[in-house]
Amino acid sequence: MAEVGREDPGAVAVVEAALILEAGAAKDFDRLLVVTCHPEQRIRRWANRVGVDEETASREVMRRMASQFPDEEKIKASDYVIDNSGSFDETRKRVEQVYAELKCEAETKG
């Protein structure tokens, strides 16, 4: 990421990492963005993505969630939240809003 910043001081670099808070790595980043949705949606989406039944998906999603901080804690620690529980268009609109804010901040710093 440092290389990206040297090449383009106004760039926005994004790192996807589910356990960033749990690993104590949030301090290594300028901003923290959390994407969340209802647990039932996580289960259904994971089942569809990997092609398993919802019971199997539920066990796996719940296992993964147990190794993470609760959403409430992640939301409190974050600078931005994207609630992915609604429609695709609603989520896209929020992503575009957050990106615009990050881009503006990056360009101001750069």
PDB file of N, CA and C in Angstrom:
ATOM      1  N   MET A   1       0.814  -1.188   0.000  1.00  0.00           N
ATOM      2  CA  MET A   1       0.000   0.000   0.000  1.00  0.00           C
ATOM      3  C   MET A   1       0.861   1.258   0.000  1.00  0.00           C
ATOM      4  N   ALA A   2       1.992   1.192   0.655  1.00  0.00           N
ATOM      5  CA  ALA A   2       2.876   2.354   0.671  1.00  0.00           C
ATOM      6  C   ALA A   2       3.326   2.704  -0.744  1.00  0.00           C
ATOM      7  N   GLU A   3       3.556   1.665  -1.541  1.00  0.00           N
ATOM      8  CA  GLU A   3       3.967   1.893  -2.930  1.00  0.00           C
ATOM      9  C   GLU A   3       2.872   2.613  -3.709  1.00  0.00           C
ATOM     10  N   VAL A   4       1.627   2.219  -3.493  1.00  0.00           N
ATOM     11  CA  VAL A   4       0.501   2.873  -4.159  1.00  0.00           C
ATOM     12  C   VAL A   4       0.459   4.340  -3.759  1.00  0.00           C
ATOM     13  N   GLY A   5       0.662   4.623  -2.480  1.00  0.00           N
ATOM     14  CA  GLY A   5       0.655   5.984  -1.993  1.00  0.00           C
ATOM     15  C   GLY A   5       1.769   6.829  -2.571  1.00  0.00           C
ATOM     16  N   ARG A   6       2.936   6.211  -2.783  1.00  0.00           N
ATOM     17  CA  ARG A   6       4.053   6.938  -3.387  1.00  0.00           C
ATOM     18  C   ARG A   6       3.759   7.257  -4.855  1.00  0.00           C
ATOM     19  N   GLU A   7       3.148   6.303  -5.548  1.00  0.00           N
ATOM     20  CA  GLU A   7       2.839   6.501  -6.965  1.00  0.00           C
ATOM     21  C   GLU A   7       1.697   7.487  -7.170  1.00  0.00           C
ATOM     22  N   ASP A   8       0.709   7.450  -6.285  1.00  0.00           N
ATOM     23  CA  ASP A   8      -0.453   8.332  -6.408  1.00  0.00           C
ATOM     24  C   ASP A   8      -0.905   8.729  -5.004  1.00  0.00           C
ATOM     25  N   PRO A   9      -0.419   9.875  -4.507  1.00  0.00           N
ATOM     26  CA  PRO A   9      -0.771  10.290  -3.145  1.00  0.00           C
ATOM     27  C   PRO A   9      -2.275  10.444  -2.908  1.00  0.00           C
ATOM     28  N   GLY A  10      -3.058  10.602  -3.960  1.00  0.00           N
ATOM     29  CA  GLY A  10      -4.500  10.732  -3.818  1.00  0.00           C
ATOM     30  C   GLY A  10      -5.255   9.433  -4.003  1.00  0.00           C
ATOM     31  N   ALA A  11      -4.533   8.321  -4.024  1.00  0.00           N
ATOM     32  CA  ALA A  11      -5.162   7.014  -4.262  1.00  0.00           C
ATOM     33  C   ALA A  11      -5.910   6.519  -3.029  1.00  0.00           C
ATOM     34  N   VAL A  12      -6.864   5.650  -3.274  1.00  0.00           N
ATOM     35  CA  VAL A  12      -7.573   4.945  -2.210  1.00  0.00           C
ATOM     36  C   VAL A  12      -7.244   3.470  -2.385  1.00  0.00           C
ATOM     37  N   ALA A  13      -6.587   2.887  -1.394  1.00  0.00           N
ATOM     38  CA  ALA A  13      -6.263   1.459  -1.428  1.00  0.00           C
ATOM     39  C   ALA A  13      -7.188   0.736  -0.460  1.00  0.00           C
ATOM     40  N   VAL A  14      -7.729  -0.393  -0.886  1.00  0.00           N
ATOM     41  CA  VAL A  14      -8.666  -1.149  -0.073  1.00  0.00           C
ATOM     42  C   VAL A  14      -8.094  -2.531   0.186  1.00  0.00           C
ATOM     43  N   VAL A  15      -8.142  -2.956   1.451  1.00  0.00           N
ATOM     44  CA  VAL A  15      -7.700  -4.289   1.845  1.00  0.00           C
ATOM     45  C   VAL A  15      -8.895  -5.005   2.459  1.00  0.00           C
ATOM     46  N   GLU A  16      -9.252  -6.155   1.912  1.00  0.00           N
ATOM     47  CA  GLU A  16     -10.354  -6.948   2.454  1.00  0.00           C
ATOM     48  C   GLU A  16      -9.760  -7.928   3.456  1.00  0.00           C
ATOM     49  N   ALA A  17     -10.176  -7.797   4.721  1.00  0.00           N
ATOM     50  CA  ALA A  17      -9.651  -8.675   5.764  1.00  0.00           C
ATOM     51  C   ALA A  17     -10.707  -8.820   6.854  1.00  0.00           C
ATOM     52  N   ALA A  18     -11.278 -10.000   6.963  1.00  0.00           N
ATOM     53  CA  ALA A  18     -12.388 -10.229   7.890  1.00  0.00           C
ATOM     54  C   ALA A  18     -11.973 -10.096   9.357  1.00  0.00           C
ATOM     55  N   LEU A  19     -10.738 -10.393   9.680  1.00  0.00           N
ATOM     56  CA  LEU A  19     -10.323 -10.435  11.082  1.00  0.00           C
ATOM     57  C   LEU A  19      -9.355  -9.319  11.452  1.00  0.00           C
ATOM     58  N   ILE A  20      -9.478  -8.184  10.824  1.00  0.00           N
ATOM     59  CA  ILE A  20      -8.528  -7.088  11.035  1.00  0.00           C
ATOM     60  C   ILE A  20      -8.554  -6.580  12.485  1.00  0.00           C
ATOM     61  N   LEU A  21      -9.722  -6.472  13.071  1.00  0.00           N
ATOM     62  CA  LEU A  21      -9.815  -6.035  14.467  1.00  0.00           C
ATOM     63  C   LEU A  21      -9.308  -7.117  15.408  1.00  0.00           C
ATOM     64  N   GLU A  22      -9.724  -8.341  15.148  1.00  0.00           N
ATOM     65  CA  GLU A  22      -9.331  -9.449  16.012  1.00  0.00           C
ATOM     66  C   GLU A  22      -7.811  -9.639  16.021  1.00  0.00           C
ATOM     67  N   ALA A  23      -7.164  -9.338  14.892  1.00  0.00           N
ATOM     68  CA  ALA A  23      -5.712  -9.482  14.787  1.00  0.00           C
ATOM     69  C   ALA A  23      -4.969  -8.265  15.336  1.00  0.00           C
ATOM     70  N   GLY A  24      -5.705  -7.229  15.733  1.00  0.00           N
ATOM     71  CA  GLY A  24      -5.076  -6.023  16.238  1.00  0.00           C
ATOM     72  C   GLY A  24      -4.403  -5.194  15.159  1.00  0.00           C
ATOM     73  N   ALA A  25      -4.813  -5.370  13.916  1.00  0.00           N
ATOM     74  CA  ALA A  25      -4.156  -4.702  12.788  1.00  0.00           C
ATOM     75  C   ALA A  25      -4.844  -3.416  12.348  1.00  0.00           C
ATOM     76  N   ALA A  26      -5.956  -3.056  12.949  1.00  0.00           N
ATOM     77  CA  ALA A  26      -6.681  -1.852  12.515  1.00  0.00           C
ATOM     78  C   ALA A  26      -5.810  -0.609  12.623  1.00  0.00           C
ATOM     79  N   LYS A  27      -4.889  -0.600  13.565  1.00  0.00           N
ATOM     80  CA  LYS A  27      -4.015   0.563  13.751  1.00  0.00           C
ATOM     81  C   LYS A  27      -3.101   0.798  12.555  1.00  0.00           C
ATOM     82  N   ASP A  28      -2.945  -0.203  11.708  1.00  0.00           N
ATOM     83  CA  ASP A  28      -2.073  -0.092  10.539  1.00  0.00           C
ATOM     84  C   ASP A  28      -2.755   0.564   9.338  1.00  0.00           C
ATOM     85  N   PHE A  29      -4.005   0.954   9.505  1.00  0.00           N
ATOM     86  CA  PHE A  29      -4.778   1.517   8.402  1.00  0.00           C
ATOM     87  C   PHE A  29      -5.317   2.888   8.777  1.00  0.00           C
ATOM     88  N   ASP A  30      -5.494   3.733   7.763  1.00  0.00           N
ATOM     89  CA  ASP A  30      -6.011   5.078   7.992  1.00  0.00           C
ATOM     90  C   ASP A  30      -7.483   5.069   8.362  1.00  0.00           C
ATOM     91  N   ARG A  31      -8.243   4.215   7.731  1.00  0.00           N
ATOM     92  CA  ARG A  31      -9.686   4.138   7.959  1.00  0.00           C
ATOM     93  C   ARG A  31     -10.126   2.682   7.995  1.00  0.00           C
ATOM     94  N   LEU A  32     -11.203   2.442   8.730  1.00  0.00           N
ATOM     95  CA  LEU A  32     -11.765   1.099   8.819  1.00  0.00           C
ATOM     96  C   LEU A  32     -13.204   1.151   8.330  1.00  0.00           C
ATOM     97  N   LEU A  33     -13.525   0.275   7.399  1.00  0.00           N
ATOM     98  CA  LEU A  33     -14.851   0.178   6.815  1.00  0.00           C
ATOM     99  C   LEU A  33     -15.390  -1.218   7.129  1.00  0.00           C
ATOM    100  N   VAL A  34     -16.594  -1.297   7.636  1.00  0.00           N
ATOM    101  CA  VAL A  34     -17.217  -2.571   7.961  1.00  0.00           C
ATOM    102  C   VAL A  34     -18.436  -2.768   7.071  1.00  0.00           C
ATOM    103  N   VAL A  35     -18.532  -3.944   6.479  1.00  0.00           N
ATOM    104  CA  VAL A  35     -19.711  -4.316   5.690  1.00  0.00           C
ATOM    105  C   VAL A  35     -20.451  -5.374   6.495  1.00  0.00           C
ATOM    106  N   THR A  36     -21.739  -5.167   6.663  1.00  0.00           N
ATOM    107  CA  THR A  36     -22.518  -6.076   7.489  1.00  0.00           C
ATOM    108  C   THR A  36     -23.866  -6.384   6.852  1.00  0.00           C
ATOM    109  N   CYS A  37     -24.459  -7.473   7.281  1.00  0.00           N
ATOM    110  CA  CYS A  37     -25.835  -7.808   6.921  1.00  0.00           C
ATOM    111  C   CYS A  37     -26.371  -8.756   7.986  1.00  0.00           C
ATOM    112  N   HIS A  38     -27.631  -9.055   7.900  1.00  0.00           N
ATOM    113  CA  HIS A  38     -28.259  -9.940   8.879  1.00  0.00           C
ATOM    114  C   HIS A  38     -27.676 -11.355   8.778  1.00  0.00           C
ATOM    115  N   PRO A  39     -27.532 -12.051   9.905  1.00  0.00           N
ATOM    116  CA  PRO A  39     -26.980 -13.416   9.874  1.00  0.00           C
ATOM    117  C   PRO A  39     -27.719 -14.359   8.929  1.00  0.00           C
ATOM    118  N   GLU A  40     -29.037 -14.230   8.836  1.00  0.00           N
ATOM    119  CA  GLU A  40     -29.806 -15.099   7.940  1.00  0.00           C
ATOM    120  C   GLU A  40     -29.376 -14.883   6.491  1.00  0.00           C
ATOM    121  N   GLN A  41     -29.092 -13.632   6.147  1.00  0.00           N
ATOM    122  CA  GLN A  41     -28.631 -13.332   4.790  1.00  0.00           C
ATOM    123  C   GLN A  41     -27.237 -13.906   4.555  1.00  0.00           C
ATOM    124  N   ARG A  42     -26.377 -13.816   5.551  1.00  0.00           N
ATOM    125  CA  ARG A  42     -25.029 -14.384   5.417  1.00  0.00           C
ATOM    126  C   ARG A  42     -25.114 -15.879   5.114  1.00  0.00           C
ATOM    127  N   ILE A  43     -25.992 -16.540   5.845  1.00  0.00           N
ATOM    128  CA  ILE A  43     -26.149 -17.985   5.671  1.00  0.00           C
ATOM    129  C   ILE A  43     -26.671 -18.285   4.271  1.00  0.00           C
ATOM    130  N   ARG A  44     -27.725 -17.615   3.884  1.00  0.00           N
ATOM    131  CA  ARG A  44     -28.327 -17.857   2.568  1.00  0.00           C
ATOM    132  C   ARG A  44     -27.338 -17.539   1.437  1.00  0.00           C
ATOM    133  N   ARG A  45     -26.645 -16.432   1.548  1.00  0.00           N
ATOM    134  CA  ARG A  45     -25.689 -16.042   0.507  1.00  0.00           C
ATOM    135  C   ARG A  45     -24.524 -17.014   0.423  1.00  0.00           C
ATOM    136  N   TRP A  46     -24.032 -17.444   1.582  1.00  0.00           N
ATOM    137  CA  TRP A  46     -22.911 -18.394   1.571  1.00  0.00           C
ATOM    138  C   TRP A  46     -23.365 -19.730   0.987  1.00  0.00           C
ATOM    139  N   ALA A  47     -24.555 -20.181   1.341  1.00  0.00           N
ATOM    140  CA  ALA A  47     -25.100 -21.435   0.799  1.00  0.00           C
ATOM    141  C   ALA A  47     -25.193 -21.347  -0.721  1.00  0.00           C
ATOM    142  N   ASN A  48     -25.694 -20.239  -1.229  1.00  0.00           N
ATOM    143  CA  ASN A  48     -25.813 -20.063  -2.679  1.00  0.00           C
ATOM    144  C   ASN A  48     -24.447 -19.989  -3.351  1.00  0.00           C
ATOM    145  N   ARG A  49     -23.515 -19.288  -2.714  1.00  0.00           N
ATOM    146  CA  ARG A  49     -22.190 -19.103  -3.318  1.00  0.00           C
ATOM    147  C   ARG A  49     -21.418 -20.417  -3.434  1.00  0.00           C
ATOM    148  N   VAL A  50     -21.492 -21.259  -2.397  1.00  0.00           N
ATOM    149  CA  VAL A  50     -20.703 -22.493  -2.433  1.00  0.00           C
ATOM    150  C   VAL A  50     -21.527 -23.725  -2.804  1.00  0.00           C
ATOM    151  N   GLY A  51     -22.838 -23.541  -2.946  1.00  0.00           N
ATOM    152  CA  GLY A  51     -23.682 -24.645  -3.406  1.00  0.00           C
ATOM    153  C   GLY A  51     -23.955 -25.712  -2.366  1.00  0.00           C
ATOM    154  N   VAL A  52     -24.243 -25.276  -1.126  1.00  0.00           N
ATOM    155  CA  VAL A  52     -24.588 -26.236  -0.071  1.00  0.00           C
ATOM    156  C   VAL A  52     -25.968 -25.889   0.474  1.00  0.00           C
ATOM    157  N   ASP A  53     -26.530 -26.814   1.248  1.00  0.00           N
ATOM    158  CA  ASP A  53     -27.832 -26.561   1.855  1.00  0.00           C
ATOM    159  C   ASP A  53     -27.673 -25.551   2.997  1.00  0.00           C
ATOM    160  N   GLU A  54     -28.774 -24.944   3.390  1.00  0.00           N
ATOM    161  CA  GLU A  54     -28.717 -23.891   4.399  1.00  0.00           C
ATOM    162  C   GLU A  54     -28.297 -24.405   5.774  1.00  0.00           C
ATOM    163  N   GLU A  55     -28.579 -25.654   6.093  1.00  0.00           N
ATOM    164  CA  GLU A  55     -28.151 -26.207   7.385  1.00  0.00           C
ATOM    165  C   GLU A  55     -26.624 -26.276   7.450  1.00  0.00           C
ATOM    166  N   THR A  56     -26.007 -26.762   6.383  1.00  0.00           N
ATOM    167  CA  THR A  56     -24.546 -26.818   6.309  1.00  0.00           C
ATOM    168  C   THR A  56     -23.972 -25.407   6.338  1.00  0.00           C
ATOM    169  N   ALA A  57     -24.575 -24.530   5.578  1.00  0.00           N
ATOM    170  CA  ALA A  57     -24.116 -23.141   5.538  1.00  0.00           C
ATOM    171  C   ALA A  57     -24.239 -22.493   6.910  1.00  0.00           C
ATOM    172  N   SER A  58     -25.333 -22.763   7.599  1.00  0.00           N
ATOM    173  CA  SER A  58     -25.542 -22.187   8.918  1.00  0.00           C
ATOM    174  C   SER A  58     -24.435 -22.587   9.881  1.00  0.00           C
ATOM    175  N   ARG A  59     -24.082 -23.862   9.881  1.00  0.00           N
ATOM    176  CA  ARG A  59     -23.003 -24.316  10.772  1.00  0.00           C
ATOM    177  C   ARG A  59     -21.694 -23.598  10.465  1.00  0.00           C
ATOM    178  N   GLU A  60     -21.369 -23.462   9.182  1.00  0.00           N
ATOM    179  CA  GLU A  60     -20.110 -22.833   8.801  1.00  0.00           C
ATOM    180  C   GLU A  60     -20.121 -21.334   9.080  1.00  0.00           C
ATOM    181  N   VAL A  61     -21.191 -20.668   8.742  1.00  0.00           N
ATOM    182  CA  VAL A  61     -21.273 -19.225   8.976  1.00  0.00           C
ATOM    183  C   VAL A  61     -21.227 -18.940  10.474  1.00  0.00           C
ATOM    184  N   MET A  62     -21.938 -19.707  11.265  1.00  0.00           N
ATOM    185  CA  MET A  62     -21.928 -19.501  12.711  1.00  0.00           C
ATOM    186  C   MET A  62     -20.537 -19.784  13.292  1.00  0.00           C
ATOM    187  N   ARG A  63     -19.848 -20.776  12.762  1.00  0.00           N
ATOM    188  CA  ARG A  63     -18.478 -21.063  13.209  1.00  0.00           C
ATOM    189  C   ARG A  63     -17.572 -19.867  12.922  1.00  0.00           C
ATOM    190  N   ARG A  64     -17.707 -19.321  11.730  1.00  0.00           N
ATOM    191  CA  ARG A  64     -16.890 -18.165  11.354  1.00  0.00           C
ATOM    192  C   ARG A  64     -17.240 -16.939  12.197  1.00  0.00           C
ATOM    193  N   MET A  65     -18.526 -16.714  12.410  1.00  0.00           N
ATOM    194  CA  MET A  65     -18.947 -15.567  13.204  1.00  0.00           C
ATOM    195  C   MET A  65     -18.453 -15.671  14.643  1.00  0.00           C
ATOM    196  N   ALA A  66     -18.363 -16.886  15.155  1.00  0.00           N
ATOM    197  CA  ALA A  66     -17.889 -17.092  16.530  1.00  0.00           C
ATOM    198  C   ALA A  66     -16.430 -16.687  16.690  1.00  0.00           C
ATOM    199  N   SER A  67     -15.662 -16.705  15.601  1.00  0.00           N
ATOM    200  CA  SER A  67     -14.243 -16.334  15.681  1.00  0.00           C
ATOM    201  C   SER A  67     -14.033 -14.833  15.452  1.00  0.00           C
ATOM    202  N   GLN A  68     -15.123 -14.106  15.224  1.00  0.00           N
ATOM    203  CA  GLN A  68     -15.034 -12.674  14.963  1.00  0.00           C
ATOM    204  C   GLN A  68     -15.698 -11.882  16.081  1.00  0.00           C
ATOM    205  N   PHE A  69     -15.308 -10.618  16.189  1.00  0.00           N
ATOM    206  CA  PHE A  69     -15.999  -9.724  17.107  1.00  0.00           C
ATOM    207  C   PHE A  69     -17.440  -9.580  16.638  1.00  0.00           C
ATOM    208  N   PRO A  70     -18.366  -9.341  17.555  1.00  0.00           N
ATOM    209  CA  PRO A  70     -19.754  -9.091  17.150  1.00  0.00           C
ATOM    210  C   PRO A  70     -19.833  -7.841  16.272  1.00  0.00           C
ATOM    211  N   ASP A  71     -20.825  -7.808  15.393  1.00  0.00           N
ATOM    212  CA  ASP A  71     -21.004  -6.659  14.511  1.00  0.00           C
ATOM    213  C   ASP A  71     -21.051  -5.343  15.289  1.00  0.00           C
ATOM    214  N   GLU A  72     -21.696  -5.341  16.449  1.00  0.00           N
ATOM    215  CA  GLU A  72     -21.816  -4.115  17.233  1.00  0.00           C
ATOM    216  C   GLU A  72     -20.436  -3.546  17.571  1.00  0.00           C
ATOM    217  N   GLU A  73     -19.498  -4.412  17.944  1.00  0.00           N
ATOM    218  CA  GLU A  73     -18.139  -3.959  18.260  1.00  0.00           C
ATOM    219  C   GLU A  73     -17.415  -3.465  17.014  1.00  0.00           C
ATOM    220  N   LYS A  74     -17.576  -4.197  15.912  1.00  0.00           N
ATOM    221  CA  LYS A  74     -16.932  -3.792  14.665  1.00  0.00           C
ATOM    222  C   LYS A  74     -17.465  -2.437  14.198  1.00  0.00           C
ATOM    223  N   ILE A  75     -18.768  -2.236  14.326  1.00  0.00           N
ATOM    224  CA  ILE A  75     -19.379  -0.979  13.914  1.00  0.00           C
ATOM    225  C   ILE A  75     -18.849   0.174  14.771  1.00  0.00           C
ATOM    226  N   LYS A  76     -18.734  -0.035  16.084  1.00  0.00           N
ATOM    227  CA  LYS A  76     -18.214   1.009  16.972  1.00  0.00           C
ATOM    228  C   LYS A  76     -16.775   1.383  16.611  1.00  0.00           C
ATOM    229  N   ALA A  77     -15.991   0.421  16.164  1.00  0.00           N
ATOM    230  CA  ALA A  77     -14.581   0.654  15.856  1.00  0.00           C
ATOM    231  C   ALA A  77     -14.373   1.216  14.454  1.00  0.00           C
ATOM    232  N   SER A  78     -15.407   1.189  13.626  1.00  0.00           N
ATOM    233  CA  SER A  78     -15.235   1.553  12.221  1.00  0.00           C
ATOM    234  C   SER A  78     -15.450   3.035  11.968  1.00  0.00           C
ATOM    235  N   ASP A  79     -14.885   3.484  10.859  1.00  0.00           N
ATOM    236  CA  ASP A  79     -15.106   4.847  10.395  1.00  0.00           C
ATOM    237  C   ASP A  79     -16.306   4.912   9.462  1.00  0.00           C
ATOM    238  N   TYR A  80     -16.551   3.832   8.758  1.00  0.00           N
ATOM    239  CA  TYR A  80     -17.651   3.747   7.791  1.00  0.00           C
ATOM    240  C   TYR A  80     -18.323   2.389   7.925  1.00  0.00           C
ATOM    241  N   VAL A  81     -19.636   2.376   7.724  1.00  0.00           N
ATOM    242  CA  VAL A  81     -20.405   1.125   7.747  1.00  0.00           C
ATOM    243  C   VAL A  81     -21.213   1.043   6.459  1.00  0.00           C
ATOM    244  N   ILE A  82     -21.150  -0.116   5.835  1.00  0.00           N
ATOM    245  CA  ILE A  82     -22.006  -0.397   4.685  1.00  0.00           C
ATOM    246  C   ILE A  82     -22.919  -1.536   5.094  1.00  0.00           C
ATOM    247  N   ASP A  83     -24.213  -1.227   5.197  1.00  0.00           N
ATOM    248  CA  ASP A  83     -25.203  -2.250   5.528  1.00  0.00           C
ATOM    249  C   ASP A  83     -25.627  -2.909   4.226  1.00  0.00           C
ATOM    250  N   ASN A  84     -25.258  -4.152   4.086  1.00  0.00           N
ATOM    251  CA  ASN A  84     -25.489  -4.917   2.867  1.00  0.00           C
ATOM    252  C   ASN A  84     -26.774  -5.744   2.972  1.00  0.00           C
ATOM    253  N   SER A  85     -27.688  -5.322   3.845  1.00  0.00           N
ATOM    254  CA  SER A  85     -28.930  -6.075   4.051  1.00  0.00           C
ATOM    255  C   SER A  85     -30.015  -5.721   3.039  1.00  0.00           C
ATOM    256  N   GLY A  86     -29.881  -4.574   2.411  1.00  0.00           N
ATOM    257  CA  GLY A  86     -30.917  -4.117   1.491  1.00  0.00           C
ATOM    258  C   GLY A  86     -30.675  -4.591   0.077  1.00  0.00           C
ATOM    259  N   SER A  87     -31.186  -3.816  -0.847  1.00  0.00           N
ATOM    260  CA  SER A  87     -31.067  -4.168  -2.258  1.00  0.00           C
ATOM    261  C   SER A  87     -29.651  -3.908  -2.765  1.00  0.00           C
ATOM    262  N   PHE A  88     -29.350  -4.473  -3.901  1.00  0.00           N
ATOM    263  CA  PHE A  88     -28.058  -4.243  -4.547  1.00  0.00           C
ATOM    264  C   PHE A  88     -27.868  -2.752  -4.813  1.00  0.00           C
ATOM    265  N   ASP A  89     -28.906  -2.090  -5.301  1.00  0.00           N
ATOM    266  CA  ASP A  89     -28.811  -0.658  -5.605  1.00  0.00           C
ATOM    267  C   ASP A  89     -28.549   0.174  -4.353  1.00  0.00           C
ATOM    268  N   GLU A  90     -29.192  -0.178  -3.243  1.00  0.00           N
ATOM    269  CA  GLU A  90     -28.951   0.536  -1.985  1.00  0.00           C
ATOM    270  C   GLU A  90     -27.498   0.364  -1.539  1.00  0.00           C
ATOM    271  N   THR A  91     -27.005  -0.857  -1.645  1.00  0.00           N
ATOM    272  CA  THR A  91     -25.618  -1.113  -1.253  1.00  0.00           C
ATOM    273  C   THR A  91     -24.659  -0.380  -2.175  1.00  0.00           C
ATOM    274  N   ARG A  92     -24.902  -0.435  -3.467  1.00  0.00           N
ATOM    275  CA  ARG A  92     -24.028   0.267  -4.415  1.00  0.00           C
ATOM    276  C   ARG A  92     -24.001   1.763  -4.134  1.00  0.00           C
ATOM    277  N   LYS A  93     -25.159   2.337  -3.833  1.00  0.00           N
ATOM    278  CA  LYS A  93     -25.236   3.772  -3.538  1.00  0.00           C
ATOM    279  C   LYS A  93     -24.376   4.104  -2.309  1.00  0.00           C
ATOM    280  N   ARG A  94     -24.441   3.282  -1.283  1.00  0.00           N
ATOM    281  CA  ARG A  94     -23.647   3.513  -0.067  1.00  0.00           C
ATOM    282  C   ARG A  94     -22.156   3.346  -0.361  1.00  0.00           C
ATOM    283  N   VAL A  95     -21.799   2.337  -1.150  1.00  0.00           N
ATOM    284  CA  VAL A  95     -20.393   2.138  -1.528  1.00  0.00           C
ATOM    285  C   VAL A  95     -19.877   3.362  -2.276  1.00  0.00           C
ATOM    286  N   GLU A  96     -20.651   3.856  -3.211  1.00  0.00           N
ATOM    287  CA  GLU A  96     -20.235   5.044  -3.974  1.00  0.00           C
ATOM    288  C   GLU A  96     -20.076   6.255  -3.067  1.00  0.00           C
ATOM    289  N   GLN A  97     -20.961   6.396  -2.087  1.00  0.00           N
ATOM    290  CA  GLN A  97     -20.880   7.509  -1.140  1.00  0.00           C
ATOM    291  C   GLN A  97     -19.603   7.410  -0.299  1.00  0.00           C
ATOM    292  N   VAL A  98     -19.340   6.232   0.231  1.00  0.00           N
ATOM    293  CA  VAL A  98     -18.144   6.034   1.055  1.00  0.00           C
ATOM    294  C   VAL A  98     -16.886   6.244   0.218  1.00  0.00           C
ATOM    295  N   TYR A  99     -16.868   5.693  -0.988  1.00  0.00           N
ATOM    296  CA  TYR A  99     -15.703   5.867  -1.856  1.00  0.00           C
ATOM    297  C   TYR A  99     -15.446   7.340  -2.151  1.00  0.00           C
ATOM    298  N   ALA A 100     -16.499   8.090  -2.425  1.00  0.00           N
ATOM    299  CA  ALA A 100     -16.344   9.518  -2.713  1.00  0.00           C
ATOM    300  C   ALA A 100     -15.749  10.250  -1.514  1.00  0.00           C
ATOM    301  N   GLU A 101     -16.187   9.902  -0.317  1.00  0.00           N
ATOM    302  CA  GLU A 101     -15.639  10.522   0.891  1.00  0.00           C
ATOM    303  C   GLU A 101     -14.170  10.150   1.074  1.00  0.00           C
ATOM    304  N   LEU A 102     -13.842   8.876   0.864  1.00  0.00           N
ATOM    305  CA  LEU A 102     -12.455   8.436   0.998  1.00  0.00           C
ATOM    306  C   LEU A 102     -11.566   9.095  -0.053  1.00  0.00           C
ATOM    307  N   LYS A 103     -12.060   9.180  -1.271  1.00  0.00           N
ATOM    308  CA  LYS A 103     -11.304   9.785  -2.357  1.00  0.00           C
ATOM    309  C   LYS A 103     -11.043  11.260  -2.079  1.00  0.00           C
ATOM    310  N   CYS A 104     -12.055  11.962  -1.599  1.00  0.00           N
ATOM    311  CA  CYS A 104     -11.907  13.379  -1.269  1.00  0.00           C
ATOM    312  C   CYS A 104     -10.870  13.554  -0.158  1.00  0.00           C
ATOM    313  N   GLU A 105     -10.952  12.724   0.852  1.00  0.00           N
ATOM    314  CA  GLU A 105      -9.982  12.792   1.952  1.00  0.00           C
ATOM    315  C   GLU A 105      -8.565  12.492   1.456  1.00  0.00           C
ATOM    316  N   ALA A 106      -8.432  11.471   0.618  1.00  0.00           N
ATOM    317  CA  ALA A 106      -7.110  11.090   0.097  1.00  0.00           C
ATOM    318  C   ALA A 106      -6.513  12.210  -0.745  1.00  0.00           C
ATOM    319  N   GLU A 107      -7.340  12.842  -1.556  1.00  0.00           N
ATOM    320  CA  GLU A 107      -6.846  13.921  -2.421  1.00  0.00           C
ATOM    321  C   GLU A 107      -6.465  15.148  -1.599  1.00  0.00           C
ATOM    322  N   THR A 108      -7.167  15.378  -0.517  1.00  0.00           N
ATOM    323  CA  THR A 108      -6.850  16.501   0.362  1.00  0.00           C
ATOM    324  C   THR A 108      -5.519  16.260   1.088  1.00  0.00           C
ATOM    325  N   LYS A 109      -5.302  15.002   1.504  1.00  0.00           N
ATOM    326  CA  LYS A 109      -4.045  14.654   2.185  1.00  0.00           C
ATOM    327  C   LYS A 109      -2.871  14.635   1.205  1.00  0.00           C
ATOM    328  N   GLY A 110      -3.152  14.144  -0.011  1.00  0.00           N
ATOM    329  CA  GLY A 110      -2.102  13.951  -1.009  1.00  0.00           C
ATOM    330  C   GLY A 110      -1.626  15.238  -1.542  1.00  0.00           C
TER     331      GLY A 110
END
